[in-house]
């Protein structure tokens, strides 16, 4: 059950998403409608830090997988676009 008093609530989950999708802590805090000071404090909590690191790893892994998948098509396209060099 989630709600007031739970260890890891919706706001903290939203904060992790905001940290992954914005450029600064201040911007992430604004998105979640909390103060940057609160977000920085949460980032020092072991549970939050663990969840944030796991989310970063997952996002990084997905990005690498997508790059791997698209790299063959990119090389093929570059190969087709290459024009012969004229003397």
PDB file of N, CA and C in Angstrom:
ATOM      1  N   UNK A   1       0.843  -1.185   0.000  1.00  0.00           N
ATOM      2  CA  UNK A   1       0.000   0.000   0.000  1.00  0.00           C
ATOM      3  C   UNK A   1       0.884   1.243   0.000  1.00  0.00           C
ATOM      4  N   UNK A   2       0.597   2.164  -0.873  1.00  0.00           N
ATOM      5  CA  UNK A   2       1.355   3.404  -0.912  1.00  0.00           C
ATOM      6  C   UNK A   2       0.522   4.525  -0.329  1.00  0.00           C
ATOM      7  N   UNK A   3       1.190   5.581   0.013  1.00  0.00           N
ATOM      8  CA  UNK A   3       0.498   6.721   0.582  1.00  0.00           C
ATOM      9  C   UNK A   3       1.402   7.457   1.530  1.00  0.00           C
ATOM     10  N   UNK A   4       0.841   8.335   2.309  1.00  0.00           N
ATOM     11  CA  UNK A   4       1.616   9.125   3.247  1.00  0.00           C
ATOM     12  C   UNK A   4       2.315   8.213   4.249  1.00  0.00           C
ATOM     13  N   UNK A   5       3.589   8.446   4.445  1.00  0.00           N
ATOM     14  CA  UNK A   5       4.326   7.673   5.424  1.00  0.00           C
ATOM     15  C   UNK A   5       5.058   6.476   4.848  1.00  0.00           C
ATOM     16  N   UNK A   6       4.821   6.150   3.575  1.00  0.00           N
ATOM     17  CA  UNK A   6       5.546   5.030   2.997  1.00  0.00           C
ATOM     18  C   UNK A   6       6.982   5.439   2.745  1.00  0.00           C
ATOM     19  N   UNK A   7       7.875   4.448   2.720  1.00  0.00           N
ATOM     20  CA  UNK A   7       9.285   4.748   2.554  1.00  0.00           C
ATOM     21  C   UNK A   7       9.603   5.327   1.177  1.00  0.00           C
ATOM     22  N   UNK A   8       8.944   4.805   0.157  1.00  0.00           N
ATOM     23  CA  UNK A   8       9.274   5.238  -1.187  1.00  0.00           C
ATOM     24  C   UNK A   8       7.992   5.529  -1.933  1.00  0.00           C
ATOM     25  N   UNK A   9       7.640   6.784  -1.998  1.00  0.00           N
ATOM     26  CA  UNK A   9       6.361   7.164  -2.567  1.00  0.00           C
ATOM     27  C   UNK A   9       6.427   7.609  -4.017  1.00  0.00           C
ATOM     28  N   UNK A  10       5.285   7.988  -4.502  1.00  0.00           N
ATOM     29  CA  UNK A  10       5.109   8.406  -5.897  1.00  0.00           C
ATOM     30  C   UNK A  10       6.000   9.598  -6.250  1.00  0.00           C
ATOM     31  N   UNK A  11       6.123  10.554  -5.343  1.00  0.00           N
ATOM     32  CA  UNK A  11       6.949  11.737  -5.610  1.00  0.00           C
ATOM     33  C   UNK A  11       8.399  11.339  -5.854  1.00  0.00           C
ATOM     34  N   UNK A  12       8.892  10.387  -5.079  1.00  0.00           N
ATOM     35  CA  UNK A  12      10.272   9.961  -5.253  1.00  0.00           C
ATOM     36  C   UNK A  12      10.442   9.222  -6.583  1.00  0.00           C
ATOM     37  N   UNK A  13       9.462   8.418  -6.955  1.00  0.00           N
ATOM     38  CA  UNK A  13       9.511   7.757  -8.256  1.00  0.00           C
ATOM     39  C   UNK A  13       9.509   8.801  -9.382  1.00  0.00           C
ATOM     40  N   UNK A  14       8.643   9.792  -9.246  1.00  0.00           N
ATOM     41  CA  UNK A  14       8.584  10.875 -10.230  1.00  0.00           C
ATOM     42  C   UNK A  14       9.902  11.642 -10.278  1.00  0.00           C
ATOM     43  N   UNK A  15      10.527  11.809  -9.111  1.00  0.00           N
ATOM     44  CA  UNK A  15      11.799  12.526  -9.050  1.00  0.00           C
ATOM     45  C   UNK A  15      12.891  11.769  -9.801  1.00  0.00           C
ATOM     46  N   UNK A  16      12.889  10.453  -9.702  1.00  0.00           N
ATOM     47  CA  UNK A  16      13.877   9.653 -10.425  1.00  0.00           C
ATOM     48  C   UNK A  16      13.682   9.802 -11.925  1.00  0.00           C
ATOM     49  N   UNK A  17      12.443   9.738 -12.362  1.00  0.00           N
ATOM     50  CA  UNK A  17      12.167   9.940 -13.793  1.00  0.00           C
ATOM     51  C   UNK A  17      12.609  11.333 -14.221  1.00  0.00           C
ATOM     52  N   UNK A  18      12.324  12.328 -13.413  1.00  0.00           N
ATOM     53  CA  UNK A  18      12.714  13.702 -13.740  1.00  0.00           C
ATOM     54  C   UNK A  18      14.235  13.841 -13.791  1.00  0.00           C
ATOM     55  N   UNK A  19      14.933  13.196 -12.883  1.00  0.00           N
ATOM     56  CA  UNK A  19      16.401  13.259 -12.900  1.00  0.00           C
ATOM     57  C   UNK A  19      16.965  12.634 -14.178  1.00  0.00           C
ATOM     58  N   UNK A  20      16.290  11.613 -14.684  1.00  0.00           N
ATOM     59  CA  UNK A  20      16.757  10.949 -15.899  1.00  0.00           C
ATOM     60  C   UNK A  20      16.405  11.723 -17.169  1.00  0.00           C
ATOM     61  N   UNK A  21      15.432  12.609 -17.098  1.00  0.00           N
ATOM     62  CA  UNK A  21      14.955  13.275 -18.307  1.00  0.00           C
ATOM     63  C   UNK A  21      15.215  14.781 -18.351  1.00  0.00           C
ATOM     64  N   UNK A  22      15.809  15.320 -17.314  1.00  0.00           N
ATOM     65  CA  UNK A  22      16.132  16.748 -17.311  1.00  0.00           C
ATOM     66  C   UNK A  22      17.639  16.924 -17.166  1.00  0.00           C
ATOM     67  N   UNK A  23      18.097  18.157 -17.347  1.00  0.00           N
ATOM     68  CA  UNK A  23      19.539  18.411 -17.327  1.00  0.00           C
ATOM     69  C   UNK A  23      20.123  18.733 -15.972  1.00  0.00           C
ATOM     70  N   UNK A  24      19.304  19.232 -15.063  1.00  0.00           N
ATOM     71  CA  UNK A  24      19.825  19.649 -13.760  1.00  0.00           C
ATOM     72  C   UNK A  24      18.915  19.175 -12.635  1.00  0.00           C
ATOM     73  N   UNK A  25      19.471  19.149 -11.446  1.00  0.00           N
ATOM     74  CA  UNK A  25      18.687  18.809 -10.260  1.00  0.00           C
ATOM     75  C   UNK A  25      17.593  19.851 -10.056  1.00  0.00           C
ATOM     76  N   UNK A  26      17.929  21.104 -10.284  1.00  0.00           N
ATOM     77  CA  UNK A  26      16.943  22.177 -10.116  1.00  0.00           C
ATOM     78  C   UNK A  26      15.757  21.988 -11.054  1.00  0.00           C
ATOM     79  N   UNK A  27      16.051  21.641 -12.297  1.00  0.00           N
ATOM     80  CA  UNK A  27      14.981  21.424 -13.278  1.00  0.00           C
ATOM     81  C   UNK A  27      14.146  20.205 -12.893  1.00  0.00           C
ATOM     82  N   UNK A  28      14.793  19.152 -12.450  1.00  0.00           N
ATOM     83  CA  UNK A  28      14.071  17.948 -12.022  1.00  0.00           C
ATOM     84  C   UNK A  28      13.160  18.265 -10.842  1.00  0.00           C
ATOM     85  N   UNK A  29      13.660  19.017  -9.895  1.00  0.00           N
ATOM     86  CA  UNK A  29      12.855  19.395  -8.729  1.00  0.00           C
ATOM     87  C   UNK A  29      11.638  20.210  -9.148  1.00  0.00           C
ATOM     88  N   UNK A  30      11.834  21.116 -10.086  1.00  0.00           N
ATOM     89  CA  UNK A  30      10.725  21.950 -10.577  1.00  0.00           C
ATOM     90  C   UNK A  30       9.646  21.084 -11.233  1.00  0.00           C
ATOM     91  N   UNK A  31      10.067  20.081 -12.009  1.00  0.00           N
ATOM     92  CA  UNK A  31       9.120  19.190 -12.679  1.00  0.00           C
ATOM     93  C   UNK A  31       8.261  18.445 -11.662  1.00  0.00           C
ATOM     94  N   UNK A  32       8.876  18.023 -10.561  1.00  0.00           N
ATOM     95  CA  UNK A  32       8.177  17.237  -9.541  1.00  0.00           C
ATOM     96  C   UNK A  32       7.473  18.128  -8.526  1.00  0.00           C
ATOM     97  N   UNK A  33       7.722  19.419  -8.611  1.00  0.00           N
ATOM     98  CA  UNK A  33       7.121  20.395  -7.716  1.00  0.00           C
ATOM     99  C   UNK A  33       7.603  20.234  -6.274  1.00  0.00           C
ATOM    100  N   UNK A  34       8.929  20.077  -6.140  1.00  0.00           N
ATOM    101  CA  UNK A  34       9.572  20.062  -4.828  1.00  0.00           C
ATOM    102  C   UNK A  34      10.759  21.015  -4.890  1.00  0.00           C
ATOM    103  N   UNK A  35      11.330  21.311  -3.745  1.00  0.00           N
ATOM    104  CA  UNK A  35      12.485  22.207  -3.737  1.00  0.00           C
ATOM    105  C   UNK A  35      13.744  21.420  -4.123  1.00  0.00           C
ATOM    106  N   UNK A  36      14.700  22.082  -4.753  1.00  0.00           N
ATOM    107  CA  UNK A  36      15.968  21.418  -5.059  1.00  0.00           C
ATOM    108  C   UNK A  36      16.648  20.871  -3.804  1.00  0.00           C
ATOM    109  N   UNK A  37      16.495  21.559  -2.704  1.00  0.00           N
ATOM    110  CA  UNK A  37      17.090  21.112  -1.436  1.00  0.00           C
ATOM    111  C   UNK A  37      16.501  19.751  -1.018  1.00  0.00           C
ATOM    112  N   UNK A  38      15.188  19.594  -1.185  1.00  0.00           N
ATOM    113  CA  UNK A  38      14.541  18.323  -0.861  1.00  0.00           C
ATOM    114  C   UNK A  38      15.061  17.214  -1.757  1.00  0.00           C
ATOM    115  N   UNK A  39      15.179  17.495  -3.044  1.00  0.00           N
ATOM    116  CA  UNK A  39      15.668  16.483  -3.974  1.00  0.00           C
ATOM    117  C   UNK A  39      17.107  16.090  -3.663  1.00  0.00           C
ATOM    118  N   UNK A  40      17.924  17.061  -3.350  1.00  0.00           N
ATOM    119  CA  UNK A  40      19.308  16.753  -2.975  1.00  0.00           C
ATOM    120  C   UNK A  40      19.358  15.897  -1.704  1.00  0.00           C
ATOM    121  N   UNK A  41      18.463  16.168  -0.772  1.00  0.00           N
ATOM    122  CA  UNK A  41      18.409  15.367   0.458  1.00  0.00           C
ATOM    123  C   UNK A  41      17.988  13.931   0.131  1.00  0.00           C
ATOM    124  N   UNK A  42      16.975  13.786  -0.732  1.00  0.00           N
ATOM    125  CA  UNK A  42      16.543  12.450  -1.144  1.00  0.00           C
ATOM    126  C   UNK A  42      17.671  11.687  -1.824  1.00  0.00           C
ATOM    127  N   UNK A  43      18.456  12.390  -2.619  1.00  0.00           N
ATOM    128  CA  UNK A  43      19.538  11.737  -3.359  1.00  0.00           C
ATOM    129  C   UNK A  43      20.604  11.159  -2.431  1.00  0.00           C
ATOM    130  N   UNK A  44      20.635  11.629  -1.197  1.00  0.00           N
ATOM    131  CA  UNK A  44      21.588  11.099  -0.209  1.00  0.00           C
ATOM    132  C   UNK A  44      21.035   9.898   0.542  1.00  0.00           C
ATOM    133  N   UNK A  45      19.744   9.638   0.404  1.00  0.00           N
ATOM    134  CA  UNK A  45      19.133   8.498   1.086  1.00  0.00           C
ATOM    135  C   UNK A  45      19.531   7.209   0.358  1.00  0.00           C
ATOM    136  N   UNK A  46      19.990   6.196   1.085  1.00  0.00           N
ATOM    137  CA  UNK A  46      20.428   4.955   0.435  1.00  0.00           C
ATOM    138  C   UNK A  46      19.372   4.302  -0.455  1.00  0.00           C
ATOM    139  N   UNK A  47      18.125   4.273  -0.007  1.00  0.00           N
ATOM    140  CA  UNK A  47      17.062   3.647  -0.804  1.00  0.00           C
ATOM    141  C   UNK A  47      16.834   4.402  -2.109  1.00  0.00           C
ATOM    142  N   UNK A  48      16.812   5.723  -2.036  1.00  0.00           N
ATOM    143  CA  UNK A  48      16.616   6.537  -3.234  1.00  0.00           C
ATOM    144  C   UNK A  48      17.813   6.377  -4.169  1.00  0.00           C
ATOM    145  N   UNK A  49      19.011   6.434  -3.603  1.00  0.00           N
ATOM    146  CA  UNK A  49      20.222   6.298  -4.396  1.00  0.00           C
ATOM    147  C   UNK A  49      20.246   4.959  -5.132  1.00  0.00           C
ATOM    148  N   UNK A  50      19.869   3.899  -4.449  1.00  0.00           N
ATOM    149  CA  UNK A  50      19.839   2.567  -5.053  1.00  0.00           C
ATOM    150  C   UNK A  50      18.837   2.514  -6.209  1.00  0.00           C
ATOM    151  N   UNK A  51      17.657   3.057  -5.990  1.00  0.00           N
ATOM    152  CA  UNK A  51      16.627   3.066  -7.041  1.00  0.00           C
ATOM    153  C   UNK A  51      17.055   3.935  -8.219  1.00  0.00           C
ATOM    154  N   UNK A  52      17.676   5.072  -7.942  1.00  0.00           N
ATOM    155  CA  UNK A  52      18.132   5.967  -9.003  1.00  0.00           C
ATOM    156  C   UNK A  52      19.219   5.304  -9.840  1.00  0.00           C
ATOM    157  N   UNK A  53      20.177   4.653  -9.170  1.00  0.00           N
ATOM    158  CA  UNK A  53      21.255   3.961  -9.893  1.00  0.00           C
ATOM    159  C   UNK A  53      20.703   2.829 -10.752  1.00  0.00           C
ATOM    160  N   UNK A  54      19.730   2.099 -10.233  1.00  0.00           N
ATOM    161  CA  UNK A  54      19.114   1.013 -11.003  1.00  0.00           C
ATOM    162  C   UNK A  54      18.398   1.571 -12.231  1.00  0.00           C
ATOM    163  N   UNK A  55      17.707   2.689 -12.066  1.00  0.00           N
ATOM    164  CA  UNK A  55      17.001   3.308 -13.188  1.00  0.00           C
ATOM    165  C   UNK A  55      17.987   3.815 -14.239  1.00  0.00           C
ATOM    166  N   UNK A  56      19.108   4.391 -13.776  1.00  0.00           N
ATOM    167  CA  UNK A  56      20.136   4.855 -14.718  1.00  0.00           C
ATOM    168  C   UNK A  56      20.727   3.694 -15.497  1.00  0.00           C
ATOM    169  N   UNK A  57      21.003   2.593 -14.800  1.00  0.00           N
ATOM    170  CA  UNK A  57      21.556   1.407 -15.466  1.00  0.00           C
ATOM    171  C   UNK A  57      20.582   0.879 -16.511  1.00  0.00           C
ATOM    172  N   UNK A  58      19.314   0.826 -16.167  1.00  0.00           N
ATOM    173  CA  UNK A  58      18.305   0.332 -17.097  1.00  0.00           C
ATOM    174  C   UNK A  58      18.204   1.243 -18.316  1.00  0.00           C
ATOM    175  N   UNK A  59      18.191   2.548 -18.093  1.00  0.00           N
ATOM    176  CA  UNK A  59      18.097   3.497 -19.206  1.00  0.00           C
ATOM    177  C   UNK A  59      19.333   3.398 -20.095  1.00  0.00           C
ATOM    178  N   UNK A  60      20.502   3.269 -19.484  1.00  0.00           N
ATOM    179  CA  UNK A  60      21.738   3.146 -20.249  1.00  0.00           C
ATOM    180  C   UNK A  60      21.731   1.858 -21.059  1.00  0.00           C
ATOM    181  N   UNK A  61      21.317   0.776 -20.442  1.00  0.00           N
ATOM    182  CA  UNK A  61      21.249  -0.502 -21.141  1.00  0.00           C
ATOM    183  C   UNK A  61      20.310  -0.458 -22.326  1.00  0.00           C
ATOM    184  N   UNK A  62      19.175   0.198 -22.171  1.00  0.00           N
ATOM    185  CA  UNK A  62      18.226   0.329 -23.271  1.00  0.00           C
ATOM    186  C   UNK A  62      18.811   1.179 -24.390  1.00  0.00           C
ATOM    187  N   UNK A  63      19.521   2.227 -24.035  1.00  0.00           N
ATOM    188  CA  UNK A  63      20.132   3.087 -25.052  1.00  0.00           C
ATOM    189  C   UNK A  63      21.200   2.329 -25.834  1.00  0.00           C
ATOM    190  N   UNK A  64      22.027   1.554 -25.136  1.00  0.00           N
ATOM    191  CA  UNK A  64      23.061   0.768 -25.805  1.00  0.00           C
ATOM    192  C   UNK A  64      22.424  -0.272 -26.724  1.00  0.00           C
ATOM    193  N   UNK A  65      21.383  -0.920 -26.257  1.00  0.00           N
ATOM    194  CA  UNK A  65      20.676  -1.894 -27.088  1.00  0.00           C
ATOM    195  C   UNK A  65      20.112  -1.265 -28.343  1.00  0.00           C
ATOM    196  N   UNK A  66      19.542  -0.094 -28.192  1.00  0.00           N
ATOM    197  CA  UNK A  66      18.977   0.607 -29.359  1.00  0.00           C
ATOM    198  C   UNK A  66      20.081   1.007 -30.337  1.00  0.00           C
ATOM    199  N   UNK A  67      21.197   1.514 -29.828  1.00  0.00           N
ATOM    200  CA  UNK A  67      22.327   1.857 -30.699  1.00  0.00           C
ATOM    201  C   UNK A  67      22.850   0.628 -31.435  1.00  0.00           C
ATOM    202  N   UNK A  68      22.955  -0.466 -30.732  1.00  0.00           N
ATOM    203  CA  UNK A  68      23.419  -1.711 -31.341  1.00  0.00           C
ATOM    204  C   UNK A  68      22.481  -2.138 -32.468  1.00  0.00           C
ATOM    205  N   UNK A  69      21.189  -2.050 -32.209  1.00  0.00           N
ATOM    206  CA  UNK A  69      20.184  -2.432 -33.201  1.00  0.00           C
ATOM    207  C   UNK A  69      20.241  -1.531 -34.436  1.00  0.00           C
ATOM    208  N   UNK A  70      20.421  -0.247 -34.228  1.00  0.00           N
ATOM    209  CA  UNK A  70      20.389   0.710 -35.336  1.00  0.00           C
ATOM    210  C   UNK A  70      21.718   0.851 -36.067  1.00  0.00           C
ATOM    211  N   UNK A  71      22.805   0.384 -35.472  1.00  0.00           N
ATOM    212  CA  UNK A  71      24.119   0.602 -36.080  1.00  0.00           C
ATOM    213  C   UNK A  71      24.264  -0.093 -37.431  1.00  0.00           C
ATOM    214  N   UNK A  72      23.715  -1.282 -37.595  1.00  0.00           N
ATOM    215  CA  UNK A  72      23.805  -1.973 -38.882  1.00  0.00           C
ATOM    216  C   UNK A  72      23.120  -1.179 -39.986  1.00  0.00           C
ATOM    217  N   UNK A  73      21.947  -0.681 -39.699  1.00  0.00           N
ATOM    218  CA  UNK A  73      21.219   0.116 -40.689  1.00  0.00           C
ATOM    219  C   UNK A  73      21.983   1.396 -41.016  1.00  0.00           C
ATOM    220  N   UNK A  74      22.597   2.006 -40.009  1.00  0.00           N
ATOM    221  CA  UNK A  74      23.348   3.236 -40.240  1.00  0.00           C
ATOM    222  C   UNK A  74      24.553   2.977 -41.137  1.00  0.00           C
ATOM    223  N   UNK A  75      25.279   1.902 -40.888  1.00  0.00           N
ATOM    224  CA  UNK A  75      26.444   1.575 -41.711  1.00  0.00           C
ATOM    225  C   UNK A  75      26.016   1.272 -43.133  1.00  0.00           C
ATOM    226  N   UNK A  76      24.933   0.565 -43.289  1.00  0.00           N
ATOM    227  CA  UNK A  76      24.417   0.252 -44.629  1.00  0.00           C
ATOM    228  C   UNK A  76      24.044   1.519 -45.384  1.00  0.00           C
ATOM    229  N   UNK A  77      23.362   2.422 -44.711  1.00  0.00           N
ATOM    230  CA  UNK A  77      22.969   3.687 -45.338  1.00  0.00           C
ATOM    231  C   UNK A  77      24.191   4.496 -45.742  1.00  0.00           C
ATOM    232  N   UNK A  78      25.186   4.557 -44.883  1.00  0.00           N
ATOM    233  CA  UNK A  78      26.414   5.290 -45.206  1.00  0.00           C
ATOM    234  C   UNK A  78      27.127   4.652 -46.393  1.00  0.00           C
ATOM    235  N   UNK A  79      27.134   3.342 -46.435  1.00  0.00           N
ATOM    236  CA  UNK A  79      27.766   2.649 -47.549  1.00  0.00           C
ATOM    237  C   UNK A  79      27.080   2.935 -48.868  1.00  0.00           C
ATOM    238  N   UNK A  80      25.757   3.030 -48.864  1.00  0.00           N
ATOM    239  CA  UNK A  80      25.003   3.321 -50.084  1.00  0.00           C
ATOM    240  C   UNK A  80      25.189   4.775 -50.522  1.00  0.00           C
ATOM    241  N   UNK A  81      25.380   5.666 -49.567  1.00  0.00           N
ATOM    242  CA  UNK A  81      25.479   7.089 -49.869  1.00  0.00           C
ATOM    243  C   UNK A  81      26.868   7.488 -50.343  1.00  0.00           C
ATOM    244  N   UNK A  82      27.833   6.626 -50.131  1.00  0.00           N
ATOM    245  CA  UNK A  82      29.221   6.946 -50.485  1.00  0.00           C
ATOM    246  C   UNK A  82      29.352   7.023 -51.998  1.00  0.00           C
ATOM    247  N   UNK A  83      29.918   8.106 -52.474  1.00  0.00           N
ATOM    248  CA  UNK A  83      30.145   8.273 -53.901  1.00  0.00           C
ATOM    249  C   UNK A  83      31.593   7.932 -54.202  1.00  0.00           C
ATOM    250  N   UNK A  84      31.836   7.416 -55.397  1.00  0.00           N
ATOM    251  CA  UNK A  84      33.220   7.129 -55.750  1.00  0.00           C
ATOM    252  C   UNK A  84      34.032   8.431 -55.820  1.00  0.00           C
ATOM    253  N   UNK A  85      35.267   8.340 -55.397  1.00  0.00           N
ATOM    254  CA  UNK A  85      36.136   9.501 -55.426  1.00  0.00           C
ATOM    255  C   UNK A  85      36.680   9.652 -56.837  1.00  0.00           C
ATOM    256  N   UNK A  86      36.479  10.837 -57.387  1.00  0.00           N
ATOM    257  CA  UNK A  86      36.965  11.112 -58.755  1.00  0.00           C
ATOM    258  C   UNK A  86      38.392  11.636 -58.704  1.00  0.00           C
ATOM    259  N   UNK A  87      39.203  11.244 -59.709  1.00  0.00           N
ATOM    260  CA  UNK A  87      40.600  11.736 -59.720  1.00  0.00           C
ATOM    261  C   UNK A  87      40.710  13.218 -59.982  1.00  0.00           C
TER     262      UNK A  87
END
